Amino acid sequence: MTPAEAVRLVAALGAVEMALVRRDPVAGPLLAQAARAAAGTPCAPLVGAAARLCRAVDLTGTEAPQRAARKAAQALCRSAAQDCQAALLGVAP
């Protein structure tokens, strides 16, 4: 992963996480965009899993399963962002 890719993914994943926190419907499209940007990088599986979760569950809802899925998607995004930051700093994730 190049430094430019890592910085771009960290920024994209930060936007996704904030959209998830706000239960904003734009979280899905932002996450799909981040998954495309992550393709071929070490954090692609995490971002892909979050994107699949977002497609499978309405993350804007307030029911317990929707809240749990939203928290799981946030955790996947946060983990992917940390992997990108580790790559940027030259530390193996």
PDB file of N, CA and C in Angstrom:
ATOM      1  N   MET A   1       0.852  -1.163   0.000  1.00  0.00           N
ATOM      2  CA  MET A   1       0.000   0.000   0.000  1.00  0.00           C
ATOM      3  C   MET A   1       0.901   1.231   0.000  1.00  0.00           C
ATOM      4  N   THR A   2       0.626   2.137  -0.916  1.00  0.00           N
ATOM      5  CA  THR A   2       1.412   3.358  -0.982  1.00  0.00           C
ATOM      6  C   THR A   2       0.929   4.344   0.077  1.00  0.00           C
ATOM      7  N   PRO A   3       1.768   5.293   0.450  1.00  0.00           N
ATOM      8  CA  PRO A   3       1.320   6.309   1.415  1.00  0.00           C
ATOM      9  C   PRO A   3       0.083   7.065   0.938  1.00  0.00           C
ATOM     10  N   ALA A   4       0.008   7.355  -0.356  1.00  0.00           N
ATOM     11  CA  ALA A   4      -1.159   8.068  -0.879  1.00  0.00           C
ATOM     12  C   ALA A   4      -2.429   7.234  -0.728  1.00  0.00           C
ATOM     13  N   GLU A   5      -2.338   5.933  -1.002  1.00  0.00           N
ATOM     14  CA  GLU A   5      -3.495   5.056  -0.826  1.00  0.00           C
ATOM     15  C   GLU A   5      -3.923   5.007   0.639  1.00  0.00           C
ATOM     16  N   ALA A   6      -2.950   4.907   1.531  1.00  0.00           N
ATOM     17  CA  ALA A   6      -3.254   4.831   2.953  1.00  0.00           C
ATOM     18  C   ALA A   6      -3.946   6.101   3.439  1.00  0.00           C
ATOM     19  N   VAL A   7      -3.427   7.252   3.048  1.00  0.00           N
ATOM     20  CA  VAL A   7      -4.034   8.513   3.468  1.00  0.00           C
ATOM     21  C   VAL A   7      -5.450   8.635   2.916  1.00  0.00           C
ATOM     22  N   ARG A   8      -5.618   8.288   1.643  1.00  0.00           N
ATOM     23  CA  ARG A   8      -6.944   8.375   1.028  1.00  0.00           C
ATOM     24  C   ARG A   8      -7.945   7.454   1.723  1.00  0.00           C
ATOM     25  N   LEU A   9      -7.520   6.234   2.052  1.00  0.00           N
ATOM     26  CA  LEU A   9      -8.419   5.301   2.717  1.00  0.00           C
ATOM     27  C   LEU A   9      -8.750   5.726   4.138  1.00  0.00           C
ATOM     28  N   VAL A  10      -7.782   6.247   4.858  1.00  0.00           N
ATOM     29  CA  VAL A  10      -8.052   6.719   6.222  1.00  0.00           C
ATOM     30  C   VAL A  10      -9.087   7.838   6.188  1.00  0.00           C
ATOM     31  N   ALA A  11      -8.947   8.758   5.239  1.00  0.00           N
ATOM     32  CA  ALA A  11      -9.920   9.852   5.122  1.00  0.00           C
ATOM     33  C   ALA A  11     -11.297   9.317   4.738  1.00  0.00           C
ATOM     34  N   ALA A  12     -11.343   8.400   3.784  1.00  0.00           N
ATOM     35  CA  ALA A  12     -12.625   7.845   3.343  1.00  0.00           C
ATOM     36  C   ALA A  12     -13.299   7.067   4.474  1.00  0.00           C
ATOM     37  N   LEU A  13     -12.518   6.291   5.199  1.00  0.00           N
ATOM     38  CA  LEU A  13     -13.087   5.506   6.292  1.00  0.00           C
ATOM     39  C   LEU A  13     -13.544   6.381   7.447  1.00  0.00           C
ATOM     40  N   GLY A  14     -12.873   7.508   7.660  1.00  0.00           N
ATOM     41  CA  GLY A  14     -13.330   8.460   8.674  1.00  0.00           C
ATOM     42  C   GLY A  14     -14.690   9.040   8.312  1.00  0.00           C
ATOM     43  N   ALA A  15     -14.881   9.354   7.035  1.00  0.00           N
ATOM     44  CA  ALA A  15     -16.169   9.876   6.576  1.00  0.00           C
ATOM     45  C   ALA A  15     -17.263   8.815   6.728  1.00  0.00           C
ATOM     46  N   VAL A  16     -16.919   7.567   6.428  1.00  0.00           N
ATOM     47  CA  VAL A  16     -17.888   6.483   6.574  1.00  0.00           C
ATOM     48  C   VAL A  16     -18.280   6.331   8.038  1.00  0.00           C
ATOM     49  N   GLU A  17     -17.291   6.337   8.902  1.00  0.00           N
ATOM     50  CA  GLU A  17     -17.585   6.149  10.326  1.00  0.00           C
ATOM     51  C   GLU A  17     -18.486   7.259  10.863  1.00  0.00           C
ATOM     52  N   MET A  18     -18.237   8.488  10.457  1.00  0.00           N
ATOM     53  CA  MET A  18     -19.094   9.592  10.912  1.00  0.00           C
ATOM     54  C   MET A  18     -20.513   9.441  10.361  1.00  0.00           C
ATOM     55  N   ALA A  19     -20.638   8.994   9.117  1.00  0.00           N
ATOM     56  CA  ALA A  19     -21.969   8.773   8.547  1.00  0.00           C
ATOM     57  C   ALA A  19     -22.697   7.660   9.295  1.00  0.00           C
ATOM     58  N   LEU A  20     -21.961   6.626   9.696  1.00  0.00           N
ATOM     59  CA  LEU A  20     -22.579   5.556  10.473  1.00  0.00           C
ATOM     60  C   LEU A  20     -23.023   6.058  11.845  1.00  0.00           C
ATOM     61  N   VAL A  21     -22.222   6.874  12.479  1.00  0.00           N
ATOM     62  CA  VAL A  21     -22.578   7.420  13.793  1.00  0.00           C
ATOM     63  C   VAL A  21     -23.866   8.242  13.696  1.00  0.00           C
ATOM     64  N   ARG A  22     -23.984   9.019  12.615  1.00  0.00           N
ATOM     65  CA  ARG A  22     -25.170   9.873  12.428  1.00  0.00           C
ATOM     66  C   ARG A  22     -26.352   9.113  11.844  1.00  0.00           C
ATOM     67  N   ARG A  23     -26.169   7.823  11.552  1.00  0.00           N
ATOM     68  CA  ARG A  23     -27.187   7.010  10.880  1.00  0.00           C
ATOM     69  C   ARG A  23     -27.624   7.660   9.574  1.00  0.00           C
ATOM     70  N   ASP A  24     -26.674   8.221   8.886  1.00  0.00           N
ATOM     71  CA  ASP A  24     -26.908   8.915   7.623  1.00  0.00           C
ATOM     72  C   ASP A  24     -27.025   7.884   6.490  1.00  0.00           C
ATOM     73  N   PRO A  25     -28.047   8.002   5.643  1.00  0.00           N
ATOM     74  CA  PRO A  25     -28.198   7.043   4.544  1.00  0.00           C
ATOM     75  C   PRO A  25     -27.043   7.063   3.543  1.00  0.00           C
ATOM     76  N   VAL A  26     -26.223   8.095   3.564  1.00  0.00           N
ATOM     77  CA  VAL A  26     -25.092   8.170   2.641  1.00  0.00           C
ATOM     78  C   VAL A  26     -23.949   7.238   3.062  1.00  0.00           C
ATOM     79  N   ALA A  27     -24.052   6.625   4.221  1.00  0.00           N
ATOM     80  CA  ALA A  27     -23.001   5.720   4.698  1.00  0.00           C
ATOM     81  C   ALA A  27     -22.778   4.566   3.726  1.00  0.00           C
ATOM     82  N   GLY A  28     -23.841   4.023   3.183  1.00  0.00           N
ATOM     83  CA  GLY A  28     -23.717   2.906   2.240  1.00  0.00           C
ATOM     84  C   GLY A  28     -22.915   3.267   1.000  1.00  0.00           C
ATOM     85  N   PRO A  29     -23.302   4.342   0.298  1.00  0.00           N
ATOM     86  CA  PRO A  29     -22.511   4.733  -0.866  1.00  0.00           C
ATOM     87  C   PRO A  29     -21.069   5.105  -0.529  1.00  0.00           C
ATOM     88  N   LEU A  30     -20.856   5.765   0.609  1.00  0.00           N
ATOM     89  CA  LEU A  30     -19.489   6.102   1.013  1.00  0.00           C
ATOM     90  C   LEU A  30     -18.680   4.841   1.277  1.00  0.00           C
ATOM     91  N   LEU A  31     -19.317   3.867   1.882  1.00  0.00           N
ATOM     92  CA  LEU A  31     -18.624   2.617   2.179  1.00  0.00           C
ATOM     93  C   LEU A  31     -18.314   1.851   0.899  1.00  0.00           C
ATOM     94  N   ALA A  32     -19.220   1.873  -0.063  1.00  0.00           N
ATOM     95  CA  ALA A  32     -18.959   1.227  -1.354  1.00  0.00           C
ATOM     96  C   ALA A  32     -17.776   1.897  -2.051  1.00  0.00           C
ATOM     97  N   GLN A  33     -17.718   3.207  -1.967  1.00  0.00           N
ATOM     98  CA  GLN A  33     -16.604   3.949  -2.569  1.00  0.00           C
ATOM     99  C   GLN A  33     -15.289   3.594  -1.871  1.00  0.00           C
ATOM    100  N   ALA A  34     -15.323   3.503  -0.543  1.00  0.00           N
ATOM    101  CA  ALA A  34     -14.120   3.133   0.206  1.00  0.00           C
ATOM    102  C   ALA A  34     -13.686   1.707  -0.135  1.00  0.00           C
ATOM    103  N   ALA A  35     -14.650   0.814  -0.327  1.00  0.00           N
ATOM    104  CA  ALA A  35     -14.310  -0.576  -0.680  1.00  0.00           C
ATOM    105  C   ALA A  35     -13.628  -0.635  -2.042  1.00  0.00           C
ATOM    106  N   ARG A  36     -14.090   0.169  -2.987  1.00  0.00           N
ATOM    107  CA  ARG A  36     -13.426   0.209  -4.302  1.00  0.00           C
ATOM    108  C   ARG A  36     -12.009   0.762  -4.162  1.00  0.00           C
ATOM    109  N   ALA A  37     -11.838   1.780  -3.325  1.00  0.00           N
ATOM    110  CA  ALA A  37     -10.516   2.371  -3.122  1.00  0.00           C
ATOM    111  C   ALA A  37      -9.580   1.398  -2.400  1.00  0.00           C
ATOM    112  N   ALA A  38     -10.140   0.529  -1.576  1.00  0.00           N
ATOM    113  CA  ALA A  38      -9.329  -0.414  -0.801  1.00  0.00           C
ATOM    114  C   ALA A  38      -8.943  -1.652  -1.592  1.00  0.00           C
ATOM    115  N   ALA A  39      -9.540  -1.854  -2.744  1.00  0.00           N
ATOM    116  CA  ALA A  39      -9.273  -3.061  -3.534  1.00  0.00           C
ATOM    117  C   ALA A  39      -7.770  -3.238  -3.747  1.00  0.00           C
ATOM    118  N   GLY A  40      -7.293  -4.426  -3.456  1.00  0.00           N
ATOM    119  CA  GLY A  40      -5.884  -4.731  -3.648  1.00  0.00           C
ATOM    120  C   GLY A  40      -4.982  -4.320  -2.499  1.00  0.00           C
ATOM    121  N   THR A  41      -5.551  -3.775  -1.444  1.00  0.00           N
ATOM    122  CA  THR A  41      -4.756  -3.373  -0.283  1.00  0.00           C
ATOM    123  C   THR A  41      -4.977  -4.381   0.847  1.00  0.00           C
ATOM    124  N   PRO A  42      -4.111  -4.378   1.852  1.00  0.00           N
ATOM    125  CA  PRO A  42      -4.281  -5.324   2.961  1.00  0.00           C
ATOM    126  C   PRO A  42      -5.577  -5.130   3.758  1.00  0.00           C
ATOM    127  N   CYS A  43      -6.137  -3.928   3.732  1.00  0.00           N
ATOM    128  CA  CYS A  43      -7.356  -3.695   4.513  1.00  0.00           C
ATOM    129  C   CYS A  43      -8.623  -3.963   3.699  1.00  0.00           C
ATOM    130  N   ALA A  44      -8.490  -4.424   2.468  1.00  0.00           N
ATOM    131  CA  ALA A  44      -9.647  -4.688   1.608  1.00  0.00           C
ATOM    132  C   ALA A  44     -10.646  -5.676   2.226  1.00  0.00           C
ATOM    133  N   PRO A  45     -10.195  -6.761   2.877  1.00  0.00           N
ATOM    134  CA  PRO A  45     -11.182  -7.679   3.468  1.00  0.00           C
ATOM    135  C   PRO A  45     -12.053  -7.025   4.544  1.00  0.00           C
ATOM    136  N   LEU A  46     -11.459  -6.159   5.351  1.00  0.00           N
ATOM    137  CA  LEU A  46     -12.235  -5.485   6.402  1.00  0.00           C
ATOM    138  C   LEU A  46     -13.251  -4.516   5.810  1.00  0.00           C
ATOM    139  N   VAL A  47     -12.811  -3.719   4.851  1.00  0.00           N
ATOM    140  CA  VAL A  47     -13.707  -2.749   4.226  1.00  0.00           C
ATOM    141  C   VAL A  47     -14.784  -3.483   3.432  1.00  0.00           C
ATOM    142  N   GLY A  48     -14.411  -4.558   2.772  1.00  0.00           N
ATOM    143  CA  GLY A  48     -15.386  -5.353   2.033  1.00  0.00           C
ATOM    144  C   GLY A  48     -16.446  -5.960   2.935  1.00  0.00           C
ATOM    145  N   ALA A  49     -16.025  -6.454   4.091  1.00  0.00           N
ATOM    146  CA  ALA A  49     -16.984  -7.025   5.041  1.00  0.00           C
ATOM    147  C   ALA A  49     -17.956  -5.960   5.539  1.00  0.00           C
ATOM    148  N   ALA A  50     -17.455  -4.770   5.820  1.00  0.00           N
ATOM    149  CA  ALA A  50     -18.332  -3.678   6.255  1.00  0.00           C
ATOM    150  C   ALA A  50     -19.308  -3.295   5.148  1.00  0.00           C
ATOM    151  N   ALA A  51     -18.841  -3.273   3.911  1.00  0.00           N
ATOM    152  CA  ALA A  51     -19.708  -2.929   2.785  1.00  0.00           C
ATOM    153  C   ALA A  51     -20.791  -3.983   2.589  1.00  0.00           C
ATOM    154  N   ARG A  52     -20.427  -5.258   2.717  1.00  0.00           N
ATOM    155  CA  ARG A  52     -21.432  -6.321   2.587  1.00  0.00           C
ATOM    156  C   ARG A  52     -22.471  -6.226   3.695  1.00  0.00           C
ATOM    157  N   LEU A  53     -22.027  -5.922   4.899  1.00  0.00           N
ATOM    158  CA  LEU A  53     -22.941  -5.753   6.024  1.00  0.00           C
ATOM    159  C   LEU A  53     -23.901  -4.601   5.770  1.00  0.00           C
ATOM    160  N   CYS A  54     -23.374  -3.534   5.234  1.00  0.00           N
ATOM    161  CA  CYS A  54     -24.192  -2.357   4.940  1.00  0.00           C
ATOM    162  C   CYS A  54     -25.250  -2.668   3.880  1.00  0.00           C
ATOM    163  N   ARG A  55     -24.895  -3.498   2.918  1.00  0.00           N
ATOM    164  CA  ARG A  55     -25.871  -3.876   1.886  1.00  0.00           C
ATOM    165  C   ARG A  55     -26.927  -4.832   2.432  1.00  0.00           C
ATOM    166  N   ALA A  56     -26.570  -5.629   3.434  1.00  0.00           N
ATOM    167  CA  ALA A  56     -27.478  -6.645   3.954  1.00  0.00           C
ATOM    168  C   ALA A  56     -28.457  -6.107   4.997  1.00  0.00           C
ATOM    169  N   VAL A  57     -28.071  -5.050   5.700  1.00  0.00           N
ATOM    170  CA  VAL A  57     -28.875  -4.543   6.807  1.00  0.00           C
ATOM    171  C   VAL A  57     -29.063  -3.042   6.645  1.00  0.00           C
ATOM    172  N   ASP A  58     -30.261  -2.565   6.969  1.00  0.00           N
ATOM    173  CA  ASP A  58     -30.503  -1.120   6.970  1.00  0.00           C
ATOM    174  C   ASP A  58     -29.836  -0.530   8.212  1.00  0.00           C
ATOM    175  N   LEU A  59     -28.692   0.104   8.014  1.00  0.00           N
ATOM    176  CA  LEU A  59     -27.933   0.621   9.148  1.00  0.00           C
ATOM    177  C   LEU A  59     -28.461   1.948   9.674  1.00  0.00           C
ATOM    178  N   THR A  60     -29.518   2.473   9.083  1.00  0.00           N
ATOM    179  CA  THR A  60     -30.101   3.725   9.586  1.00  0.00           C
ATOM    180  C   THR A  60     -31.183   3.461  10.616  1.00  0.00           C
ATOM    181  N   GLY A  61     -31.557   2.206  10.793  1.00  0.00           N
ATOM    182  CA  GLY A  61     -32.643   1.859  11.709  1.00  0.00           C
ATOM    183  C   GLY A  61     -32.243   1.934  13.171  1.00  0.00           C
ATOM    184  N   THR A  62     -33.243   1.820  14.025  1.00  0.00           N
ATOM    185  CA  THR A  62     -33.008   1.939  15.470  1.00  0.00           C
ATOM    186  C   THR A  62     -33.281   0.642  16.231  1.00  0.00           C
ATOM    187  N   GLU A  63     -33.684  -0.404  15.530  1.00  0.00           N
ATOM    188  CA  GLU A  63     -33.918  -1.686  16.191  1.00  0.00           C
ATOM    189  C   GLU A  63     -32.583  -2.298  16.618  1.00  0.00           C
ATOM    190  N   ALA A  64     -32.631  -3.185  17.601  1.00  0.00           N
ATOM    191  CA  ALA A  64     -31.407  -3.773  18.155  1.00  0.00           C
ATOM    192  C   ALA A  64     -30.522  -4.443  17.090  1.00  0.00           C
ATOM    193  N   PRO A  65     -31.067  -5.240  16.171  1.00  0.00           N
ATOM    194  CA  PRO A  65     -30.193  -5.850  15.156  1.00  0.00           C
ATOM    195  C   PRO A  65     -29.531  -4.811  14.248  1.00  0.00           C
ATOM    196  N   GLN A  66     -30.248  -3.753  13.945  1.00  0.00           N
ATOM    197  CA  GLN A  66     -29.682  -2.700  13.103  1.00  0.00           C
ATOM    198  C   GLN A  66     -28.587  -1.941  13.851  1.00  0.00           C
ATOM    199  N   ARG A  67     -28.811  -1.669  15.114  1.00  0.00           N
ATOM    200  CA  ARG A  67     -27.778  -0.989  15.915  1.00  0.00           C
ATOM    201  C   ARG A  67     -26.535  -1.857  16.022  1.00  0.00           C
ATOM    202  N   ALA A  68     -26.732  -3.165  16.248  1.00  0.00           N
ATOM    203  CA  ALA A  68     -25.592  -4.079  16.365  1.00  0.00           C
ATOM    204  C   ALA A  68     -24.820  -4.155  15.048  1.00  0.00           C
ATOM    205  N   ALA A  69     -25.531  -4.209  13.943  1.00  0.00           N
ATOM    206  CA  ALA A  69     -24.869  -4.258  12.634  1.00  0.00           C
ATOM    207  C   ALA A  69     -24.111  -2.960  12.370  1.00  0.00           C
ATOM    208  N   ARG A  70     -24.692  -1.840  12.764  1.00  0.00           N
ATOM    209  CA  ARG A  70     -24.016  -0.547  12.581  1.00  0.00           C
ATOM    210  C   ARG A  70     -22.728  -0.501  13.400  1.00  0.00           C
ATOM    211  N   LYS A  71     -22.783  -0.989  14.633  1.00  0.00           N
ATOM    212  CA  LYS A  71     -21.583  -1.017  15.482  1.00  0.00           C
ATOM    213  C   LYS A  71     -20.524  -1.946  14.896  1.00  0.00           C
ATOM    214  N   ALA A  72     -20.949  -3.070  14.336  1.00  0.00           N
ATOM    215  CA  ALA A  72     -19.998  -3.992  13.712  1.00  0.00           C
ATOM    216  C   ALA A  72     -19.344  -3.339  12.491  1.00  0.00           C
ATOM    217  N   ALA A  73     -20.145  -2.650  11.678  1.00  0.00           N
ATOM    218  CA  ALA A  73     -19.591  -1.959  10.508  1.00  0.00           C
ATOM    219  C   ALA A  73     -18.618  -0.870  10.947  1.00  0.00           C
ATOM    220  N   GLN A  74     -18.952  -0.157  12.011  1.00  0.00           N
ATOM    221  CA  GLN A  74     -18.034   0.870  12.533  1.00  0.00           C
ATOM    222  C   GLN A  74     -16.723   0.238  12.993  1.00  0.00           C
ATOM    223  N   ALA A  75     -16.814  -0.877  13.681  1.00  0.00           N
ATOM    224  CA  ALA A  75     -15.604  -1.544  14.170  1.00  0.00           C
ATOM    225  C   ALA A  75     -14.735  -2.025  13.009  1.00  0.00           C
ATOM    226  N   LEU A  76     -15.367  -2.553  11.963  1.00  0.00           N
ATOM    227  CA  LEU A  76     -14.608  -2.986  10.788  1.00  0.00           C
ATOM    228  C   LEU A  76     -13.914  -1.800  10.124  1.00  0.00           C
ATOM    229  N   CYS A  77     -14.624  -0.686  10.011  1.00  0.00           N
ATOM    230  CA  CYS A  77     -14.031   0.520   9.411  1.00  0.00           C
ATOM    231  C   CYS A  77     -12.873   1.045  10.261  1.00  0.00           C
ATOM    232  N   ARG A  78     -13.060   1.044  11.559  1.00  0.00           N
ATOM    233  CA  ARG A  78     -12.006   1.535  12.459  1.00  0.00           C
ATOM    234  C   ARG A  78     -10.777   0.639  12.372  1.00  0.00           C
ATOM    235  N   SER A  79     -10.992  -0.667  12.315  1.00  0.00           N
ATOM    236  CA  SER A  79      -9.868  -1.601  12.205  1.00  0.00           C
ATOM    237  C   SER A  79      -9.137  -1.417  10.879  1.00  0.00           C
ATOM    238  N   ALA A  80      -9.895  -1.225   9.803  1.00  0.00           N
ATOM    239  CA  ALA A  80      -9.272  -0.996   8.494  1.00  0.00           C
ATOM    240  C   ALA A  80      -8.477   0.300   8.497  1.00  0.00           C
ATOM    241  N   ALA A  81      -9.021   1.332   9.117  1.00  0.00           N
ATOM    242  CA  ALA A  81      -8.308   2.613   9.195  1.00  0.00           C
ATOM    243  C   ALA A  81      -7.016   2.460   9.995  1.00  0.00           C
ATOM    244  N   GLN A  82      -7.062   1.684  11.064  1.00  0.00           N
ATOM    245  CA  GLN A  82      -5.851   1.462  11.860  1.00  0.00           C
ATOM    246  C   GLN A  82      -4.812   0.685  11.064  1.00  0.00           C
ATOM    247  N   ASP A  83      -5.259  -0.279  10.259  1.00  0.00           N
ATOM    248  CA  ASP A  83      -4.328  -1.011   9.395  1.00  0.00           C
ATOM    249  C   ASP A  83      -3.679  -0.063   8.387  1.00  0.00           C
ATOM    250  N   CYS A  84      -4.473   0.841   7.830  1.00  0.00           N
ATOM    251  CA  CYS A  84      -3.926   1.828   6.873  1.00  0.00           C
ATOM    252  C   CYS A  84      -2.921   2.738   7.557  1.00  0.00           C
ATOM    253  N   GLN A  85      -3.234   3.171   8.758  1.00  0.00           N
ATOM    254  CA  GLN A  85      -2.314   4.035   9.498  1.00  0.00           C
ATOM    255  C   GLN A  85      -1.033   3.286   9.825  1.00  0.00           C
ATOM    256  N   ALA A  86      -1.144   2.015  10.179  1.00  0.00           N
ATOM    257  CA  ALA A  86       0.045   1.207  10.473  1.00  0.00           C
ATOM    258  C   ALA A  86       0.909   1.077   9.206  1.00  0.00           C
ATOM    259  N   ALA A  87       0.263   0.864   8.076  1.00  0.00           N
ATOM    260  CA  ALA A  87       1.020   0.775   6.812  1.00  0.00           C
ATOM    261  C   ALA A  87       1.705   2.101   6.516  1.00  0.00           C
ATOM    262  N   LEU A  88       1.018   3.177   6.775  1.00  0.00           N
ATOM    263  CA  LEU A  88       1.577   4.500   6.524  1.00  0.00           C
ATOM    264  C   LEU A  88       2.797   4.762   7.425  1.00  0.00           C
ATOM    265  N   LEU A  89       2.730   4.252   8.642  1.00  0.00           N
ATOM    266  CA  LEU A  89       3.838   4.448   9.591  1.00  0.00           C
ATOM    267  C   LEU A  89       4.924   3.389   9.438  1.00  0.00           C
ATOM    268  N   GLY A  90       4.690   2.418   8.562  1.00  0.00           N
ATOM    269  CA  GLY A  90       5.693   1.369   8.352  1.00  0.00           C
ATOM    270  C   GLY A  90       5.689   0.304   9.412  1.00  0.00           C
ATOM    271  N   VAL A  91       4.565   0.132  10.081  1.00  0.00           N
ATOM    272  CA  VAL A  91       4.422  -0.877  11.119  1.00  0.00           C
ATOM    273  C   VAL A  91       3.510  -1.968  10.577  1.00  0.00           C
ATOM    274  N   ALA A  92       3.919  -3.212  10.683  1.00  0.00           N
ATOM    275  CA  ALA A  92       3.083  -4.315  10.186  1.00  0.00           C
ATOM    276  C   ALA A  92       1.830  -4.423  11.051  1.00  0.00           C
ATOM    277  N   PRO A  93       0.628  -4.472  10.409  1.00  0.00           N
ATOM    278  CA  PRO A  93      -0.610  -4.599  11.198  1.00  0.00           C
ATOM    279  C   PRO A  93      -0.769  -5.971  11.802  1.00  0.00           C
TER     280      PRO A  93
END
